C-alpha atoms as a PDB file:
ATOM      1  CA  UNK A   1      81.924 193.499 114.289  1.00  0.00           C
ATOM      2  CA  UNK A   2      85.084 193.053 112.141  1.00  0.00           C
ATOM      3  CA  UNK A   3      88.166 193.743 114.098  1.00  0.00           C
ATOM      4  CA  UNK A   4      91.665 193.425 112.653  1.00  0.00           C
ATOM      5  CA  UNK A   5      94.873 193.767 114.634  1.00  0.00           C
ATOM      6  CA  UNK A   6      97.967 194.598 112.585  1.00  0.00           C
ATOM      7  CA  UNK A   7     101.609 194.557 113.697  1.00  0.00           C
ATOM      8  CA  UNK A   8     104.133 195.471 111.194  1.00  0.00           C
ATOM      9  CA  UNK A   9     107.606 197.047 110.735  1.00  0.00           C
ATOM     10  CA  UNK A  10     107.839 200.786 110.178  1.00  0.00           C
ATOM     11  CA  UNK A  11     111.045 201.811 108.339  1.00  0.00           C
ATOM     12  CA  UNK A  12     110.527 205.447 109.468  1.00  0.00           C
ATOM     13  CA  UNK A  13     110.381 204.504 113.175  1.00  0.00           C
ATOM     14  CA  UNK A  14     112.770 201.529 112.659  1.00  0.00           C
ATOM     15  CA  UNK A  15     110.574 199.274 114.906  1.00  0.00           C
ATOM     16  CA  UNK A  16     107.402 197.281 114.917  1.00  0.00           C
ATOM     17  CA  UNK A  17     104.236 199.266 115.188  1.00  0.00           C
ATOM     18  CA  UNK A  18     100.702 198.162 115.851  1.00  0.00           C
ATOM     19  CA  UNK A  19      97.223 199.398 115.015  1.00  0.00           C
ATOM     20  CA  UNK A  20      93.657 198.118 115.044  1.00  0.00           C
ATOM     21  CA  UNK A  21      90.963 198.471 112.563  1.00  0.00           C
ATOM     22  CA  UNK A  22      87.276 198.186 113.397  1.00  0.00           C
ATOM     23  CA  UNK A  23      84.708 197.800 110.631  1.00  0.00           C
ATOM     24  CA  UNK A  24      84.760 196.902 107.010  1.00  0.00           C
ATOM     25  CA  UNK A  25      83.686 200.059 105.107  1.00  0.00           C
ATOM     26  CA  UNK A  26      82.685 203.715 105.501  1.00  0.00           C
ATOM     27  CA  UNK A  27      84.466 206.929 106.327  1.00  0.00           C
ATOM     28  CA  UNK A  28      87.924 206.331 107.891  1.00  0.00           C
ATOM     29  CA  UNK A  29      88.466 207.666 111.392  1.00  0.00           C
ATOM     30  CA  UNK A  30      92.035 207.842 112.546  1.00  0.00           C
ATOM     31  CA  UNK A  31      92.159 207.836 116.399  1.00  0.00           C
ATOM     32  CA  UNK A  32      95.041 208.766 118.618  1.00  0.00           C
ATOM     33  CA  UNK A  33      95.254 207.544 122.197  1.00  0.00           C
ATOM     34  CA  UNK A  34      95.582 209.881 125.165  1.00  0.00           C
ATOM     35  CA  UNK A  35      99.102 210.428 126.569  1.00  0.00           C
ATOM     36  CA  UNK A  36     101.352 207.398 126.565  1.00  0.00           C
ATOM     37  CA  UNK A  37      98.498 205.217 125.180  1.00  0.00           C
ATOM     38  CA  UNK A  38      98.541 202.323 122.693  1.00  0.00           C
ATOM     39  CA  UNK A  39      96.185 201.092 119.948  1.00  0.00           C
ATOM     40  CA  UNK A  40      93.951 199.265 122.412  1.00  0.00           C
ATOM     41  CA  UNK A  41      93.116 202.330 124.537  1.00  0.00           C
ATOM     42  CA  UNK A  42      90.034 203.559 122.642  1.00  0.00           C
ATOM     43  CA  UNK A  43      88.376 200.175 122.907  1.00  0.00           C
ATOM     44  CA  UNK A  44      89.406 199.762 126.555  1.00  0.00           C
ATOM     45  CA  UNK A  45      87.705 203.120 127.290  1.00  0.00           C
ATOM     46  CA  UNK A  46      84.506 202.006 125.694  1.00  0.00           C
ATOM     47  CA  UNK A  47      84.520 204.228 122.645  1.00  0.00           C
ATOM     48  CA  UNK A  48      84.278 201.358 120.170  1.00  0.00           C
ATOM     49  CA  UNK A  49      81.140 200.213 121.931  1.00  0.00           C
ATOM     50  CA  UNK A  50      79.701 203.731 121.603  1.00  0.00           C
ATOM     51  CA  UNK A  51      80.459 203.759 117.943  1.00  0.00           C
ATOM     52  CA  UNK A  52      79.481 200.125 117.317  1.00  0.00           C
ATOM     53  CA  UNK A  53      76.221 200.939 115.439  1.00  0.00           C
ATOM     54  CA  UNK A  54      77.957 203.220 112.969  1.00  0.00           C
ATOM     55  CA  UNK A  55      80.789 200.695 112.557  1.00  0.00           C
ATOM     56  CA  UNK A  56      78.598 197.706 112.051  1.00  0.00           C
ATOM     57  CA  UNK A  57      76.333 199.638 109.525  1.00  0.00           C
ATOM     58  CA  UNK A  58      79.431 200.389 107.429  1.00  0.00           C
ATOM     59  CA  UNK A  59      79.216 204.215 108.045  1.00  0.00           C
ATOM     60  CA  UNK A  60      82.727 204.496 109.533  1.00  0.00           C
ATOM     61  CA  UNK A  61      85.855 202.456 109.870  1.00  0.00           C
ATOM     62  CA  UNK A  62      87.985 203.227 112.987  1.00  0.00           C
ATOM     63  CA  UNK A  63      91.806 202.988 112.844  1.00  0.00           C
ATOM     64  CA  UNK A  64      93.461 203.169 116.302  1.00  0.00           C
ATOM     65  CA  UNK A  65      97.248 203.737 116.546  1.00  0.00           C
ATOM     66  CA  UNK A  66      99.691 204.026 119.350  1.00  0.00           C
ATOM     67  CA  UNK A  67     101.984 206.832 120.212  1.00  0.00           C
ATOM     68  CA  UNK A  68     105.628 207.557 120.951  1.00  0.00           C
ATOM     69  CA  UNK A  69     104.823 209.846 123.857  1.00  0.00           C
ATOM     70  CA  UNK A  70     107.024 207.997 126.241  1.00  0.00           C
ATOM     71  CA  UNK A  71     109.979 208.818 124.118  1.00  0.00           C
ATOM     72  CA  UNK A  72     108.966 212.374 123.202  1.00  0.00           C
ATOM     73  CA  UNK A  73     106.454 214.454 125.049  1.00  0.00           C
ATOM     74  CA  UNK A  74     106.398 212.447 128.335  1.00  0.00           C
ATOM     75  CA  UNK A  75     110.132 211.895 128.605  1.00  0.00           C
ATOM     76  CA  UNK A  76     110.745 215.056 130.679  1.00  0.00           C
ATOM     77  CA  UNK A  77     114.294 214.172 131.616  1.00  0.00           C
ATOM     78  CA  UNK A  78     115.290 212.808 128.163  1.00  0.00           C
ATOM     79  CA  UNK A  79     117.538 214.389 125.610  1.00  0.00           C
ATOM     80  CA  UNK A  80     115.520 217.260 124.095  1.00  0.00           C
ATOM     81  CA  UNK A  81     116.975 216.715 120.582  1.00  0.00           C
ATOM     82  CA  UNK A  82     116.021 212.984 120.696  1.00  0.00           C
ATOM     83  CA  UNK A  83     112.557 213.807 122.023  1.00  0.00           C
ATOM     84  CA  UNK A  84     111.867 216.319 119.050  1.00  0.00           C
ATOM     85  CA  UNK A  85     113.348 213.870 116.534  1.00  0.00           C
ATOM     86  CA  UNK A  86     111.229 210.966 117.780  1.00  0.00           C
ATOM     87  CA  UNK A  87     108.042 213.133 117.711  1.00  0.00           C
ATOM     88  CA  UNK A  88     108.878 214.189 114.116  1.00  0.00           C
ATOM     89  CA  UNK A  89     109.621 210.643 112.998  1.00  0.00           C
ATOM     90  CA  UNK A  90     106.227 209.600 114.425  1.00  0.00           C
ATOM     91  CA  UNK A  91     104.598 212.426 112.554  1.00  0.00           C
ATOM     92  CA  UNK A  92     106.235 211.173 109.384  1.00  0.00           C
ATOM     93  CA  UNK A  93     105.202 207.589 110.132  1.00  0.00           C
ATOM     94  CA  UNK A  94     101.549 208.686 110.436  1.00  0.00           C
ATOM     95  CA  UNK A  95     101.713 210.843 107.223  1.00  0.00           C
ATOM     96  CA  UNK A  96     103.716 208.533 105.006  1.00  0.00           C
ATOM     97  CA  UNK A  97     102.972 205.094 106.309  1.00  0.00           C
ATOM     98  CA  UNK A  98      99.634 205.098 108.116  1.00  0.00           C
ATOM     99  CA  UNK A  99      97.552 207.505 106.033  1.00  0.00           C
ATOM    100  CA  UNK A 100      98.476 205.709 102.739  1.00  0.00           C
ATOM    101  CA  UNK A 101      97.645 202.404 104.400  1.00  0.00           C
ATOM    102  CA  UNK A 102      94.259 203.781 105.556  1.00  0.00           C
ATOM    103  CA  UNK A 103      93.512 205.136 102.100  1.00  0.00           C
ATOM    104  CA  UNK A 104      94.392 201.790 100.553  1.00  0.00           C
ATOM    105  CA  UNK A 105      92.287 199.786 102.982  1.00  0.00           C
ATOM    106  CA  UNK A 106      89.271 202.137 102.864  1.00  0.00           C
ATOM    107  CA  UNK A 107      89.439 203.218  99.238  1.00  0.00           C
ATOM    108  CA  UNK A 108      88.885 206.741 100.639  1.00  0.00           C
ATOM    109  CA  UNK A 109      90.919 209.800 101.240  1.00  0.00           C
ATOM    110  CA  UNK A 110      88.385 211.793 103.338  1.00  0.00           C
ATOM    111  CA  UNK A 111      89.835 210.838 106.746  1.00  0.00           C
ATOM    112  CA  UNK A 112      88.596 212.107 110.119  1.00  0.00           C
ATOM    113  CA  UNK A 113      91.356 212.586 112.614  1.00  0.00           C
ATOM    114  CA  UNK A 114      90.581 212.481 116.393  1.00  0.00           C
ATOM    115  CA  UNK A 115      91.765 211.997 119.849  1.00  0.00           C
ATOM    116  CA  UNK A 116      91.218 212.863 123.489  1.00  0.00           C
ATOM    117  CA  UNK A 117      93.663 214.855 125.637  1.00  0.00           C
ATOM    118  CA  UNK A 118      97.129 214.307 124.213  1.00  0.00           C
ATOM    119  CA  UNK A 119      95.613 212.399 121.404  1.00  0.00           C
ATOM    120  CA  UNK A 120      93.518 215.497 120.619  1.00  0.00           C
ATOM    121  CA  UNK A 121      96.739 217.466 120.497  1.00  0.00           C
ATOM    122  CA  UNK A 122      98.277 214.975 118.120  1.00  0.00           C
ATOM    123  CA  UNK A 123      95.128 215.040 115.956  1.00  0.00           C
ATOM    124  CA  UNK A 124      95.264 218.884 115.863  1.00  0.00           C
ATOM    125  CA  UNK A 125      98.967 218.994 114.986  1.00  0.00           C
ATOM    126  CA  UNK A 126      98.454 216.558 112.104  1.00  0.00           C
ATOM    127  CA  UNK A 127      95.395 218.325 110.885  1.00  0.00           C
ATOM    128  CA  UNK A 128      96.928 221.817 110.913  1.00  0.00           C
ATOM    129  CA  UNK A 129     100.271 220.645 109.569  1.00  0.00           C
ATOM    130  CA  UNK A 130      98.790 218.488 106.825  1.00  0.00           C
ATOM    131  CA  UNK A 131      95.318 219.602 105.879  1.00  0.00           C
ATOM    132  CA  UNK A 132      95.671 217.832 102.544  1.00  0.00           C
ATOM    133  CA  UNK A 133      95.456 214.503 104.328  1.00  0.00           C
ATOM    134  CA  UNK A 134      92.399 215.073 106.580  1.00  0.00           C
ATOM    135  CA  UNK A 135      89.058 216.619 106.084  1.00  0.00           C
ATOM    136  CA  UNK A 136      87.742 216.714 109.607  1.00  0.00           C
ATOM    137  CA  UNK A 137      89.232 217.293 113.075  1.00  0.00           C
ATOM    138  CA  UNK A 138      87.630 216.248 116.311  1.00  0.00           C
ATOM    139  CA  UNK A 139      90.032 217.241 119.135  1.00  0.00           C
ATOM    140  CA  UNK A 140      88.611 216.510 122.558  1.00  0.00           C
ATOM    141  CA  UNK A 141      90.515 218.331 125.334  1.00  0.00           C
ATOM    142  CA  UNK A 142      93.570 218.758 123.190  1.00  0.00           C
ATOM    143  CA  UNK A 143      96.343 220.863 124.658  1.00  0.00           C
ATOM    144  CA  UNK A 144      97.867 223.248 121.975  1.00  0.00           C
ATOM    145  CA  UNK A 145     100.278 225.146 124.237  1.00  0.00           C
ATOM    146  CA  UNK A 146     103.527 223.093 124.587  1.00  0.00           C
ATOM    147  CA  UNK A 147     105.011 225.436 127.239  1.00  0.00           C
ATOM    148  CA  UNK A 148     104.169 222.989 130.021  1.00  0.00           C
ATOM    149  CA  UNK A 149     106.478 220.440 128.385  1.00  0.00           C
ATOM    150  CA  UNK A 150     109.224 222.979 127.449  1.00  0.00           C
ATOM    151  CA  UNK A 151     109.151 224.822 130.902  1.00  0.00           C
ATOM    152  CA  UNK A 152     109.906 221.463 132.516  1.00  0.00           C
ATOM    153  CA  UNK A 153     112.940 220.980 130.294  1.00  0.00           C
ATOM    154  CA  UNK A 154     114.018 224.515 130.977  1.00  0.00           C
ATOM    155  CA  UNK A 155     113.585 224.099 134.742  1.00  0.00           C
ATOM    156  CA  UNK A 156     115.536 220.849 134.791  1.00  0.00           C
ATOM    157  CA  UNK A 157     118.337 222.507 132.805  1.00  0.00           C
ATOM    158  CA  UNK A 158     118.332 225.579 135.017  1.00  0.00           C
ATOM    159  CA  UNK A 159     118.380 223.519 138.208  1.00  0.00           C
ATOM    160  CA  UNK A 160     121.216 221.419 136.921  1.00  0.00           C
ATOM    161  CA  UNK A 161     123.270 224.472 135.977  1.00  0.00           C
ATOM    162  CA  UNK A 162     122.573 226.215 139.256  1.00  0.00           C
ATOM    163  CA  UNK A 163     123.567 223.071 141.198  1.00  0.00           C
ATOM    164  CA  UNK A 164     126.868 222.911 139.245  1.00  0.00           C
ATOM    165  CA  UNK A 165     127.754 226.560 139.801  1.00  0.00           C
ATOM    166  CA  UNK A 166     127.148 226.731 143.526  1.00  0.00           C
END
């Protein structure tokens, strides 16, 4: 199986990013890792092995990216504004850097977007915000109610204010 590891600078994120490509042709599949994951997670969890026949037959190409969850969704005690800005910059990185790169490599614009758990949430957010970039969504156990992240921020803020006033 053809596997390509790419590490390059992202002007939008102002840092090095990495992704992996599996296969040489076929319908592109953009994969997001579960929470806090990197571009190796899909392979480490055995999913590339499961898809290997489709990849080797040239039916699909799989592009695995990392996330910025540790600086956005998972950073429960972090600055809320920074967390939101980081998530939005990552969204822009995917839309304006990764998707064009995938389209150039694959010569196709009919991209499947997928992920498990938080990766499924990322896939859904991208698909619903930018339906012009993706033609298929496969979200496995994606969470689409962000209140669990926002309630934690509110509770942290409330506890801090309460402690300061008593």
